[in-house]
Amino acid sequence: MVKKLLLFILLVSFSIAFATEIPSPNITIFDNSTQIQKIVFYNNGNLNLKGFNGPGSIEIYSIIGNKISDTIVQELANIQLSYSLETRSMYIIRVITEKEVETFKIITP
């Protein structure tokens, strides 16, 4: 029994002596502080978009999925479009750019 215990200790210490260092995992840290916040809101009959750039398309859907409007614009930066939407209703706004498609939900006042 003592021989087996000594053999076990010898093997464990031998394996520890020749063990290689375990590589640390590659960790990537993303800094989201430079990301521009995109905002879509409806006020006084105007649909306002902030945080978008470049050409794109703005689609407005009712909450049940009926397309109400589809507008193509050359520049989405700080755009204000006039729409007559029903008060106290919910709409889905879909903003399509060259790089992405984003969806927003708005409730008209």
PDB file of N, CA and C in Angstrom:
ATOM      1  N   MET A   1       0.823  -1.183   0.000  1.00  0.00           N
ATOM      2  CA  MET A   1       0.000   0.000   0.000  1.00  0.00           C
ATOM      3  C   MET A   1       0.872   1.255   0.000  1.00  0.00           C
ATOM      4  N   VAL A   2       1.947   1.236   0.787  1.00  0.00           N
ATOM      5  CA  VAL A   2       2.855   2.361   0.874  1.00  0.00           C
ATOM      6  C   VAL A   2       3.564   2.553  -0.455  1.00  0.00           C
ATOM      7  N   LYS A   3       3.918   1.414  -1.107  1.00  0.00           N
ATOM      8  CA  LYS A   3       4.583   1.495  -2.411  1.00  0.00           C
ATOM      9  C   LYS A   3       3.665   2.161  -3.438  1.00  0.00           C
ATOM     10  N   LYS A   4       2.394   1.811  -3.420  1.00  0.00           N
ATOM     11  CA  LYS A   4       1.442   2.393  -4.363  1.00  0.00           C
ATOM     12  C   LYS A   4       1.276   3.889  -4.106  1.00  0.00           C
ATOM     13  N   LEU A   5       1.247   4.268  -2.830  1.00  0.00           N
ATOM     14  CA  LEU A   5       1.108   5.669  -2.479  1.00  0.00           C
ATOM     15  C   LEU A   5       2.333   6.466  -2.923  1.00  0.00           C
ATOM     16  N   LEU A   6       3.524   5.910  -2.716  1.00  0.00           N
ATOM     17  CA  LEU A   6       4.749   6.570  -3.146  1.00  0.00           C
ATOM     18  C   LEU A   6       4.817   6.682  -4.664  1.00  0.00           C
ATOM     19  N   LEU A   7       4.398   5.642  -5.358  1.00  0.00           N
ATOM     20  CA  LEU A   7       4.373   5.664  -6.815  1.00  0.00           C
ATOM     21  C   LEU A   7       3.392   6.727  -7.322  1.00  0.00           C
ATOM     22  N   PHE A   8       2.244   6.819  -6.675  1.00  0.00           N
ATOM     23  CA  PHE A   8       1.257   7.829  -7.060  1.00  0.00           C
ATOM     24  C   PHE A   8       1.816   9.239  -6.858  1.00  0.00           C
ATOM     25  N   ILE A   9       2.444   9.499  -5.726  1.00  0.00           N
ATOM     26  CA  ILE A   9       3.026  10.811  -5.440  1.00  0.00           C
ATOM     27  C   ILE A   9       4.120  11.133  -6.436  1.00  0.00           C
ATOM     28  N   LEU A  10       4.938  10.137  -6.761  1.00  0.00           N
ATOM     29  CA  LEU A  10       6.018  10.336  -7.725  1.00  0.00           C
ATOM     30  C   LEU A  10       5.458  10.682  -9.103  1.00  0.00           C
ATOM     31  N   LEU A  11       4.426   9.974  -9.547  1.00  0.00           N
ATOM     32  CA  LEU A  11       3.832  10.241 -10.858  1.00  0.00           C
ATOM     33  C   LEU A  11       3.169  11.622 -10.904  1.00  0.00           C
ATOM     34  N   VAL A  12       2.490  11.994  -9.834  1.00  0.00           N
ATOM     35  CA  VAL A  12       1.831  13.292  -9.799  1.00  0.00           C
ATOM     36  C   VAL A  12       2.866  14.410  -9.817  1.00  0.00           C
ATOM     37  N   SER A  13       3.903  14.294  -9.013  1.00  0.00           N
ATOM     38  CA  SER A  13       4.925  15.346  -8.981  1.00  0.00           C
ATOM     39  C   SER A  13       5.689  15.402 -10.302  1.00  0.00           C
ATOM     40  N   PHE A  14       5.908  14.234 -10.947  1.00  0.00           N
ATOM     41  CA  PHE A  14       6.582  14.197 -12.237  1.00  0.00           C
ATOM     42  C   PHE A  14       5.739  14.894 -13.304  1.00  0.00           C
ATOM     43  N   SER A  15       4.423  14.647 -13.303  1.00  0.00           N
ATOM     44  CA  SER A  15       3.542  15.276 -14.298  1.00  0.00           C
ATOM     45  C   SER A  15       3.425  16.776 -14.056  1.00  0.00           C
ATOM     46  N   ILE A  16       3.466  17.205 -12.786  1.00  0.00           N
ATOM     47  CA  ILE A  16       3.421  18.632 -12.482  1.00  0.00           C
ATOM     48  C   ILE A  16       4.705  19.311 -12.929  1.00  0.00           C
ATOM     49  N   ALA A  17       5.822  18.630 -12.763  1.00  0.00           N
ATOM     50  CA  ALA A  17       7.116  19.212 -13.117  1.00  0.00           C
ATOM     51  C   ALA A  17       7.223  19.457 -14.616  1.00  0.00           C
ATOM     52  N   PHE A  18       6.625  18.602 -15.430  1.00  0.00           N
ATOM     53  CA  PHE A  18       6.725  18.732 -16.875  1.00  0.00           C
ATOM     54  C   PHE A  18       5.464  19.313 -17.518  1.00  0.00           C
ATOM     55  N   ALA A  19       4.572  19.807 -16.704  1.00  0.00           N
ATOM     56  CA  ALA A  19       3.339  20.395 -17.244  1.00  0.00           C
ATOM     57  C   ALA A  19       3.663  21.720 -17.919  1.00  0.00           C
ATOM     58  N   THR A  20       2.963  21.967 -19.009  1.00  0.00           N
ATOM     59  CA  THR A  20       3.149  23.242 -19.702  1.00  0.00           C
ATOM     60  C   THR A  20       2.117  24.229 -19.192  1.00  0.00           C
ATOM     61  N   GLU A  21       2.401  25.479 -19.386  1.00  0.00           N
ATOM     62  CA  GLU A  21       1.489  26.521 -18.936  1.00  0.00           C
ATOM     63  C   GLU A  21       0.222  26.496 -19.777  1.00  0.00           C
ATOM     64  N   ILE A  22      -0.891  26.620 -19.131  1.00  0.00           N
ATOM     65  CA  ILE A  22      -2.179  26.636 -19.835  1.00  0.00           C
ATOM     66  C   ILE A  22      -2.350  28.028 -20.426  1.00  0.00           C
ATOM     67  N   PRO A  23      -2.579  28.111 -21.735  1.00  0.00           N
ATOM     68  CA  PRO A  23      -2.720  29.432 -22.353  1.00  0.00           C
ATOM     69  C   PRO A  23      -3.986  30.120 -21.862  1.00  0.00           C
ATOM     70  N   SER A  24      -3.889  31.413 -21.686  1.00  0.00           N
ATOM     71  CA  SER A  24      -5.065  32.170 -21.261  1.00  0.00           C
ATOM     72  C   SER A  24      -5.992  32.353 -22.463  1.00  0.00           C
ATOM     73  N   PRO A  25      -7.300  32.381 -22.232  1.00  0.00           N
ATOM     74  CA  PRO A  25      -8.234  32.553 -23.354  1.00  0.00           C
ATOM     75  C   PRO A  25      -8.117  33.945 -23.954  1.00  0.00           C
ATOM     76  N   ASN A  26      -8.395  34.031 -25.241  1.00  0.00           N
ATOM     77  CA  ASN A  26      -8.388  35.329 -25.912  1.00  0.00           C
ATOM     78  C   ASN A  26      -9.664  36.069 -25.541  1.00  0.00           C
ATOM     79  N   ILE A  27      -9.512  37.231 -24.987  1.00  0.00           N
ATOM     80  CA  ILE A  27     -10.656  38.032 -24.568  1.00  0.00           C
ATOM     81  C   ILE A  27     -10.692  39.298 -25.406  1.00  0.00           C
ATOM     82  N   THR A  28     -11.834  39.559 -26.009  1.00  0.00           N
ATOM     83  CA  THR A  28     -12.022  40.769 -26.803  1.00  0.00           C
ATOM     84  C   THR A  28     -12.993  41.670 -26.072  1.00  0.00           C
ATOM     85  N   ILE A  29     -12.601  42.900 -25.870  1.00  0.00           N
ATOM     86  CA  ILE A  29     -13.453  43.865 -25.188  1.00  0.00           C
ATOM     87  C   ILE A  29     -13.963  44.859 -26.217  1.00  0.00           C
ATOM     88  N   PHE A  30     -15.279  45.011 -26.266  1.00  0.00           N
ATOM     89  CA  PHE A  30     -15.896  45.945 -27.188  1.00  0.00           C
ATOM     90  C   PHE A  30     -16.249  47.222 -26.437  1.00  0.00           C
ATOM     91  N   ASP A  31     -15.914  48.329 -27.009  1.00  0.00           N
ATOM     92  CA  ASP A  31     -16.231  49.624 -26.420  1.00  0.00           C
ATOM     93  C   ASP A  31     -17.428  50.192 -27.160  1.00  0.00           C
ATOM     94  N   ASN A  32     -18.590  50.127 -26.527  1.00  0.00           N
ATOM     95  CA  ASN A  32     -19.818  50.599 -27.165  1.00  0.00           C
ATOM     96  C   ASN A  32     -20.040  52.089 -26.969  1.00  0.00           C
ATOM     97  N   SER A  33     -19.106  52.785 -26.364  1.00  0.00           N
ATOM     98  CA  SER A  33     -19.312  54.201 -26.094  1.00  0.00           C
ATOM     99  C   SER A  33     -19.320  55.048 -27.367  1.00  0.00           C
ATOM    100  N   THR A  34     -18.780  54.518 -28.464  1.00  0.00           N
ATOM    101  CA  THR A  34     -18.763  55.273 -29.714  1.00  0.00           C
ATOM    102  C   THR A  34     -19.991  55.001 -30.574  1.00  0.00           C
ATOM    103  N   GLN A  35     -20.835  54.084 -30.155  1.00  0.00           N
ATOM    104  CA  GLN A  35     -22.017  53.754 -30.935  1.00  0.00           C
ATOM    105  C   GLN A  35     -23.040  54.884 -30.819  1.00  0.00           C
ATOM    106  N   ILE A  36     -23.598  55.281 -31.954  1.00  0.00           N
ATOM    107  CA  ILE A  36     -24.567  56.372 -31.995  1.00  0.00           C
ATOM    108  C   ILE A  36     -25.950  55.822 -31.668  1.00  0.00           C
ATOM    109  N   GLN A  37     -26.637  56.491 -30.767  1.00  0.00           N
ATOM    110  CA  GLN A  37     -27.982  56.074 -30.401  1.00  0.00           C
ATOM    111  C   GLN A  37     -28.955  56.502 -31.487  1.00  0.00           C
ATOM    112  N   LYS A  38     -29.819  55.600 -31.895  1.00  0.00           N
ATOM    113  CA  LYS A  38     -30.810  55.879 -32.932  1.00  0.00           C
ATOM    114  C   LYS A  38     -32.161  56.071 -32.266  1.00  0.00           C
ATOM    115  N   ILE A  39     -32.838  57.155 -32.646  1.00  0.00           N
ATOM    116  CA  ILE A  39     -34.113  57.504 -32.023  1.00  0.00           C
ATOM    117  C   ILE A  39     -35.140  57.773 -33.112  1.00  0.00           C
ATOM    118  N   VAL A  40     -36.351  57.241 -32.909  1.00  0.00           N
ATOM    119  CA  VAL A  40     -37.487  57.520 -33.784  1.00  0.00           C
ATOM    120  C   VAL A  40     -38.651  57.917 -32.878  1.00  0.00           C
ATOM    121  N   PHE A  41     -39.245  59.091 -33.139  1.00  0.00           N
ATOM    122  CA  PHE A  41     -40.402  59.505 -32.350  1.00  0.00           C
ATOM    123  C   PHE A  41     -41.354  60.328 -33.207  1.00  0.00           C
ATOM    124  N   TYR A  42     -42.615  60.371 -32.767  1.00  0.00           N
ATOM    125  CA  TYR A  42     -43.682  61.081 -33.479  1.00  0.00           C
ATOM    126  C   TYR A  42     -44.208  62.176 -32.564  1.00  0.00           C
ATOM    127  N   ASN A  43     -44.242  63.417 -33.078  1.00  0.00           N
ATOM    128  CA  ASN A  43     -44.712  64.532 -32.278  1.00  0.00           C
ATOM    129  C   ASN A  43     -45.285  65.611 -33.198  1.00  0.00           C
ATOM    130  N   ASN A  44     -46.462  66.112 -32.867  1.00  0.00           N
ATOM    131  CA  ASN A  44     -47.119  67.190 -33.617  1.00  0.00           C
ATOM    132  C   ASN A  44     -47.225  66.907 -35.114  1.00  0.00           C
ATOM    133  N   GLY A  45     -47.568  65.680 -35.470  1.00  0.00           N
ATOM    134  CA  GLY A  45     -47.754  65.325 -36.875  1.00  0.00           C
ATOM    135  C   GLY A  45     -46.475  65.062 -37.641  1.00  0.00           C
ATOM    136  N   ASN A  46     -45.346  65.022 -36.962  1.00  0.00           N
ATOM    137  CA  ASN A  46     -44.058  64.787 -37.630  1.00  0.00           C
ATOM    138  C   ASN A  46     -43.371  63.550 -37.076  1.00  0.00           C
ATOM    139  N   LEU A  47     -42.836  62.743 -37.975  1.00  0.00           N
ATOM    140  CA  LEU A  47     -42.020  61.596 -37.601  1.00  0.00           C
ATOM    141  C   LEU A  47     -40.563  62.048 -37.647  1.00  0.00           C
ATOM    142  N   ASN A  48     -39.875  61.948 -36.527  1.00  0.00           N
ATOM    143  CA  ASN A  48     -38.495  62.409 -36.420  1.00  0.00           C
ATOM    144  C   ASN A  48     -37.552  61.223 -36.278  1.00  0.00           C
ATOM    145  N   LEU A  49     -36.449  61.245 -37.022  1.00  0.00           N
ATOM    146  CA  LEU A  49     -35.412  60.218 -36.943  1.00  0.00           C
ATOM    147  C   LEU A  49     -34.091  60.889 -36.607  1.00  0.00           C
ATOM    148  N   LYS A  50     -33.372  60.323 -35.648  1.00  0.00           N
ATOM    149  CA  LYS A  50     -32.057  60.849 -35.272  1.00  0.00           C
ATOM    150  C   LYS A  50     -31.086  59.687 -35.128  1.00  0.00           C
ATOM    151  N   GLY A  51     -29.847  59.913 -35.562  1.00  0.00           N
ATOM    152  CA  GLY A  51     -28.808  58.903 -35.407  1.00  0.00           C
ATOM    153  C   GLY A  51     -28.572  58.049 -36.634  1.00  0.00           C
ATOM    154  N   PHE A  52     -29.287  58.299 -37.706  1.00  0.00           N
ATOM    155  CA  PHE A  52     -29.112  57.552 -38.946  1.00  0.00           C
ATOM    156  C   PHE A  52     -28.289  58.377 -39.925  1.00  0.00           C
ATOM    157  N   ASN A  53     -27.632  57.685 -40.854  1.00  0.00           N
ATOM    158  CA  ASN A  53     -26.838  58.363 -41.881  1.00  0.00           C
ATOM    159  C   ASN A  53     -27.038  57.693 -43.227  1.00  0.00           C
ATOM    160  N   GLY A  54     -26.893  58.471 -44.290  1.00  0.00           N
ATOM    161  CA  GLY A  54     -26.937  57.937 -45.637  1.00  0.00           C
ATOM    162  C   GLY A  54     -28.339  57.790 -46.178  1.00  0.00           C
ATOM    163  N   PRO A  55     -28.442  57.273 -47.391  1.00  0.00           N
ATOM    164  CA  PRO A  55     -29.757  57.071 -48.006  1.00  0.00           C
ATOM    165  C   PRO A  55     -30.475  55.888 -47.374  1.00  0.00           C
ATOM    166  N   GLY A  56     -31.794  55.898 -47.513  1.00  0.00           N
ATOM    167  CA  GLY A  56     -32.550  54.782 -46.954  1.00  0.00           C
ATOM    168  C   GLY A  56     -34.027  54.888 -47.239  1.00  0.00           C
ATOM    169  N   SER A  57     -34.749  54.013 -46.588  1.00  0.00           N
ATOM    170  CA  SER A  57     -36.187  53.923 -46.764  1.00  0.00           C
ATOM    171  C   SER A  57     -36.844  53.870 -45.387  1.00  0.00           C
ATOM    172  N   ILE A  58     -38.003  54.517 -45.279  1.00  0.00           N
ATOM    173  CA  ILE A  58     -38.764  54.518 -44.030  1.00  0.00           C
ATOM    174  C   ILE A  58     -40.131  53.924 -44.333  1.00  0.00           C
ATOM    175  N   GLU A  59     -40.457  52.845 -43.639  1.00  0.00           N
ATOM    176  CA  GLU A  59     -41.753  52.196 -43.820  1.00  0.00           C
ATOM    177  C   GLU A  59     -42.540  52.318 -42.527  1.00  0.00           C
ATOM    178  N   ILE A  60     -43.836  52.604 -42.646  1.00  0.00           N
ATOM    179  CA  ILE A  60     -44.714  52.701 -41.485  1.00  0.00           C
ATOM    180  C   ILE A  60     -45.788  51.631 -41.623  1.00  0.00           C
ATOM    181  N   TYR A  61     -45.954  50.841 -40.553  1.00  0.00           N
ATOM    182  CA  TYR A  61     -46.948  49.770 -40.521  1.00  0.00           C
ATOM    183  C   TYR A  61     -47.872  49.992 -39.332  1.00  0.00           C
ATOM    184  N   SER A  62     -49.140  49.599 -39.504  1.00  0.00           N
ATOM    185  CA  SER A  62     -50.040  49.581 -38.356  1.00  0.00           C
ATOM    186  C   SER A  62     -49.624  48.401 -37.478  1.00  0.00           C
ATOM    187  N   ILE A  63     -50.150  48.348 -36.275  1.00  0.00           N
ATOM    188  CA  ILE A  63     -49.761  47.289 -35.351  1.00  0.00           C
ATOM    189  C   ILE A  63     -50.208  45.906 -35.841  1.00  0.00           C
ATOM    190  N   ILE A  64     -51.190  45.862 -36.731  1.00  0.00           N
ATOM    191  CA  ILE A  64     -51.628  44.568 -37.266  1.00  0.00           C
ATOM    192  C   ILE A  64     -50.898  44.196 -38.558  1.00  0.00           C
ATOM    193  N   GLY A  65     -49.959  45.043 -38.986  1.00  0.00           N
ATOM    194  CA  GLY A  65     -49.107  44.695 -40.116  1.00  0.00           C
ATOM    195  C   GLY A  65     -49.460  45.312 -41.448  1.00  0.00           C
ATOM    196  N   ASN A  66     -50.462  46.180 -41.504  1.00  0.00           N
ATOM    197  CA  ASN A  66     -50.808  46.838 -42.764  1.00  0.00           C
ATOM    198  C   ASN A  66     -49.813  47.966 -43.046  1.00  0.00           C
ATOM    199  N   LYS A  67     -49.263  47.975 -44.269  1.00  0.00           N
ATOM    200  CA  LYS A  67     -48.318  49.033 -44.626  1.00  0.00           C
ATOM    201  C   LYS A  67     -49.089  50.322 -44.876  1.00  0.00           C
ATOM    202  N   ILE A  68     -48.686  51.374 -44.169  1.00  0.00           N
ATOM    203  CA  ILE A  68     -49.339  52.667 -44.293  1.00  0.00           C
ATOM    204  C   ILE A  68     -48.570  53.571 -45.237  1.00  0.00           C
ATOM    205  N   SER A  69     -47.235  53.525 -45.147  1.00  0.00           N
ATOM    206  CA  SER A  69     -46.421  54.427 -45.956  1.00  0.00           C
ATOM    207  C   SER A  69     -45.056  53.806 -46.219  1.00  0.00           C
ATOM    208  N   ASP A  70     -44.481  54.194 -47.348  1.00  0.00           N
ATOM    209  CA  ASP A  70     -43.126  53.773 -47.715  1.00  0.00           C
ATOM    210  C   ASP A  70     -42.461  54.978 -48.372  1.00  0.00           C
ATOM    211  N   THR A  71     -41.442  55.521 -47.727  1.00  0.00           N
ATOM    212  CA  THR A  71     -40.776  56.729 -48.215  1.00  0.00           C
ATOM    213  C   THR A  71     -39.299  56.452 -48.409  1.00  0.00           C
ATOM    214  N   ILE A  72     -38.775  56.829 -49.570  1.00  0.00           N
ATOM    215  CA  ILE A  72     -37.346  56.704 -49.856  1.00  0.00           C
ATOM    216  C   ILE A  72     -36.728  58.089 -49.723  1.00  0.00           C
ATOM    217  N   VAL A  73     -35.641  58.184 -48.954  1.00  0.00           N
ATOM    218  CA  VAL A  73     -34.976  59.474 -48.744  1.00  0.00           C
ATOM    219  C   VAL A  73     -33.499  59.359 -49.102  1.00  0.00           C
ATOM    220  N   GLN A  74     -32.923  60.467 -49.508  1.00  0.00           N
ATOM    221  CA  GLN A  74     -31.509  60.495 -49.897  1.00  0.00           C
ATOM    222  C   GLN A  74     -30.587  60.611 -48.682  1.00  0.00           C
ATOM    223  N   GLU A  75     -31.070  61.225 -47.616  1.00  0.00           N
ATOM    224  CA  GLU A  75     -30.255  61.385 -46.411  1.00  0.00           C
ATOM    225  C   GLU A  75     -31.133  61.234 -45.176  1.00  0.00           C
ATOM    226  N   LEU A  76     -30.798  60.269 -44.324  1.00  0.00           N
ATOM    227  CA  LEU A  76     -31.589  59.996 -43.130  1.00  0.00           C
ATOM    228  C   LEU A  76     -31.155  60.801 -41.906  1.00  0.00           C
ATOM    229  N   ALA A  77     -30.079  61.556 -42.011  1.00  0.00           N
ATOM    230  CA  ALA A  77     -29.550  62.285 -40.852  1.00  0.00           C
ATOM    231  C   ALA A  77     -30.541  63.343 -40.384  1.00  0.00           C
ATOM    232  N   ASN A  78     -31.012  63.210 -39.145  1.00  0.00           N
ATOM    233  CA  ASN A  78     -31.920  64.173 -38.514  1.00  0.00           C
ATOM    234  C   ASN A  78     -33.070  64.580 -39.420  1.00  0.00           C
ATOM    235  N   ILE A  79     -33.791  63.604 -39.909  1.00  0.00           N
ATOM    236  CA  ILE A  79     -34.886  63.867 -40.842  1.00  0.00           C
ATOM    237  C   ILE A  79     -36.200  64.032 -40.084  1.00  0.00           C
ATOM    238  N   GLN A  80     -37.074  64.861 -40.626  1.00  0.00           N
ATOM    239  CA  GLN A  80     -38.392  65.089 -40.070  1.00  0.00           C
ATOM    240  C   GLN A  80     -39.398  65.003 -41.211  1.00  0.00           C
ATOM    241  N   LEU A  81     -40.314  64.039 -41.116  1.00  0.00           N
ATOM    242  CA  LEU A  81     -41.322  63.834 -42.159  1.00  0.00           C
ATOM    243  C   LEU A  81     -42.706  64.063 -41.584  1.00  0.00           C
ATOM    244  N   SER A  82     -43.564  64.670 -42.362  1.00  0.00           N
ATOM    245  CA  SER A  82     -44.921  64.965 -41.922  1.00  0.00           C
ATOM    246  C   SER A  82     -45.849  63.804 -42.299  1.00  0.00           C
ATOM    247  N   TYR A  83     -46.494  63.218 -41.288  1.00  0.00           N
ATOM    248  CA  TYR A  83     -47.460  62.138 -41.490  1.00  0.00           C
ATOM    249  C   TYR A  83     -48.678  62.414 -40.627  1.00  0.00           C
ATOM    250  N   SER A  84     -49.824  62.052 -41.135  1.00  0.00           N
ATOM    251  CA  SER A  84     -51.047  62.165 -40.363  1.00  0.00           C
ATOM    252  C   SER A  84     -51.405  60.777 -39.832  1.00  0.00           C
ATOM    253  N   LEU A  85     -51.019  60.518 -38.588  1.00  0.00           N
ATOM    254  CA  LEU A  85     -51.297  59.225 -37.958  1.00  0.00           C
ATOM    255  C   LEU A  85     -52.369  59.403 -36.901  1.00  0.00           C
ATOM    256  N   GLU A  86     -53.168  58.362 -36.680  1.00  0.00           N
ATOM    257  CA  GLU A  86     -54.229  58.425 -35.678  1.00  0.00           C
ATOM    258  C   GLU A  86     -53.638  58.603 -34.281  1.00  0.00           C
ATOM    259  N   THR A  87     -54.331  59.388 -33.471  1.00  0.00           N
ATOM    260  CA  THR A  87     -53.852  59.593 -32.107  1.00  0.00           C
ATOM    261  C   THR A  87     -54.105  58.350 -31.259  1.00  0.00           C
ATOM    262  N   ARG A  88     -53.276  58.189 -30.262  1.00  0.00           N
ATOM    263  CA  ARG A  88     -53.330  57.057 -29.326  1.00  0.00           C
ATOM    264  C   ARG A  88     -53.363  55.713 -30.034  1.00  0.00           C
ATOM    265  N   SER A  89     -52.527  55.579 -31.043  1.00  0.00           N
ATOM    266  CA  SER A  89     -52.404  54.313 -31.775  1.00  0.00           C
ATOM    267  C   SER A  89     -50.941  53.882 -31.774  1.00  0.00           C
ATOM    268  N   MET A  90     -50.723  52.605 -32.034  1.00  0.00           N
ATOM    269  CA  MET A  90     -49.375  52.057 -32.046  1.00  0.00           C
ATOM    270  C   MET A  90     -48.975  51.744 -33.486  1.00  0.00           C
ATOM    271  N   TYR A  91     -47.736  52.077 -33.838  1.00  0.00           N
ATOM    272  CA  TYR A  91     -47.223  51.862 -35.188  1.00  0.00           C
ATOM    273  C   TYR A  91     -45.826  51.239 -35.122  1.00  0.00           C
ATOM    274  N   ILE A  92     -45.490  50.543 -36.172  1.00  0.00           N
ATOM    275  CA  ILE A  92     -44.158  49.973 -36.332  1.00  0.00           C
ATOM    276  C   ILE A  92     -43.454  50.793 -37.410  1.00  0.00           C
ATOM    277  N   ILE A  93     -42.278  51.320 -37.078  1.00  0.00           N
ATOM    278  CA  ILE A  93     -41.475  52.098 -38.023  1.00  0.00           C
ATOM    279  C   ILE A  93     -40.260  51.247 -38.382  1.00  0.00           C
ATOM    280  N   ARG A  94     -40.083  51.038 -39.651  1.00  0.00           N
ATOM    281  CA  ARG A  94     -38.952  50.233 -40.132  1.00  0.00           C
ATOM    282  C   ARG A  94     -38.045  51.141 -40.952  1.00  0.00           C
ATOM    283  N   VAL A  95     -36.779  51.261 -40.508  1.00  0.00           N
ATOM    284  CA  VAL A  95     -35.806  52.108 -41.179  1.00  0.00           C
ATOM    285  C   VAL A  95     -34.789  51.195 -41.852  1.00  0.00           C
ATOM    286  N   ILE A  96     -34.699  51.306 -43.181  1.00  0.00           N
ATOM    287  CA  ILE A  96     -33.822  50.435 -43.962  1.00  0.00           C
ATOM    288  C   ILE A  96     -32.700  51.284 -44.545  1.00  0.00           C
ATOM    289  N   THR A  97     -31.452  50.939 -44.200  1.00  0.00           N
ATOM    290  CA  THR A  97     -30.289  51.613 -44.761  1.00  0.00           C
ATOM    291  C   THR A  97     -29.487  50.599 -45.563  1.00  0.00           C
ATOM    292  N   GLU A  98     -28.376  51.045 -46.136  1.00  0.00           N
ATOM    293  CA  GLU A  98     -27.529  50.140 -46.914  1.00  0.00           C
ATOM    294  C   GLU A  98     -26.926  49.040 -46.047  1.00  0.00           C
ATOM    295  N   LYS A  99     -26.711  49.330 -44.760  1.00  0.00           N
ATOM    296  CA  LYS A  99     -26.022  48.401 -43.882  1.00  0.00           C
ATOM    297  C   LYS A  99     -26.934  47.615 -42.953  1.00  0.00           C
ATOM    298  N   GLU A 100     -28.119  48.135 -42.653  1.00  0.00           N
ATOM    299  CA  GLU A 100     -28.946  47.477 -41.647  1.00  0.00           C
ATOM    300  C   GLU A 100     -30.421  47.811 -41.814  1.00  0.00           C
ATOM    301  N   VAL A 101     -31.235  47.019 -41.132  1.00  0.00           N
ATOM    302  CA  VAL A 101     -32.676  47.250 -41.048  1.00  0.00           C
ATOM    303  C   VAL A 101     -33.013  47.300 -39.561  1.00  0.00           C
ATOM    304  N   GLU A 102     -33.618  48.391 -39.132  1.00  0.00           N
ATOM    305  CA  GLU A 102     -33.976  48.535 -37.724  1.00  0.00           C
ATOM    306  C   GLU A 102     -35.455  48.807 -37.610  1.00  0.00           C
ATOM    307  N   THR A 103     -36.055  48.260 -36.554  1.00  0.00           N
ATOM    308  CA  THR A 103     -37.490  48.370 -36.338  1.00  0.00           C
ATOM    309  C   THR A 103     -37.736  49.063 -35.000  1.00  0.00           C
ATOM    310  N   PHE A 104     -38.691  49.989 -35.017  1.00  0.00           N
ATOM    311  CA  PHE A 104     -39.057  50.747 -33.815  1.00  0.00           C
ATOM    312  C   PHE A 104     -40.558  50.701 -33.638  1.00  0.00           C
ATOM    313  N   LYS A 105     -40.992  50.759 -32.396  1.00  0.00           N
ATOM    314  CA  LYS A 105     -42.421  50.822 -32.083  1.00  0.00           C
ATOM    315  C   LYS A 105     -42.695  52.202 -31.494  1.00  0.00           C
ATOM    316  N   ILE A 106     -43.711  52.880 -32.017  1.00  0.00           N
ATOM    317  CA  ILE A 106     -44.081  54.180 -31.483  1.00  0.00           C
ATOM    318  C   ILE A 106     -45.563  54.172 -31.115  1.00  0.00           C
ATOM    319  N   ILE A 107     -45.902  55.007 -30.172  1.00  0.00           N
ATOM    320  CA  ILE A 107     -47.294  55.223 -29.787  1.00  0.00           C
ATOM    321  C   ILE A 107     -47.564  56.708 -29.967  1.00  0.00           C
ATOM    322  N   THR A 108     -48.550  57.026 -30.775  1.00  0.00           N
ATOM    323  CA  THR A 108     -48.847  58.433 -31.049  1.00  0.00           C
ATOM    324  C   THR A 108     -49.576  59.047 -29.851  1.00  0.00           C
ATOM    325  N   PRO A 109     -49.252  60.313 -29.536  1.00  0.00           N
ATOM    326  CA  PRO A 109     -49.895  60.982 -28.390  1.00  0.00           C
ATOM    327  C   PRO A 109     -51.325  61.382 -28.690  1.00  0.00           C
TER     328      PRO A 109
END
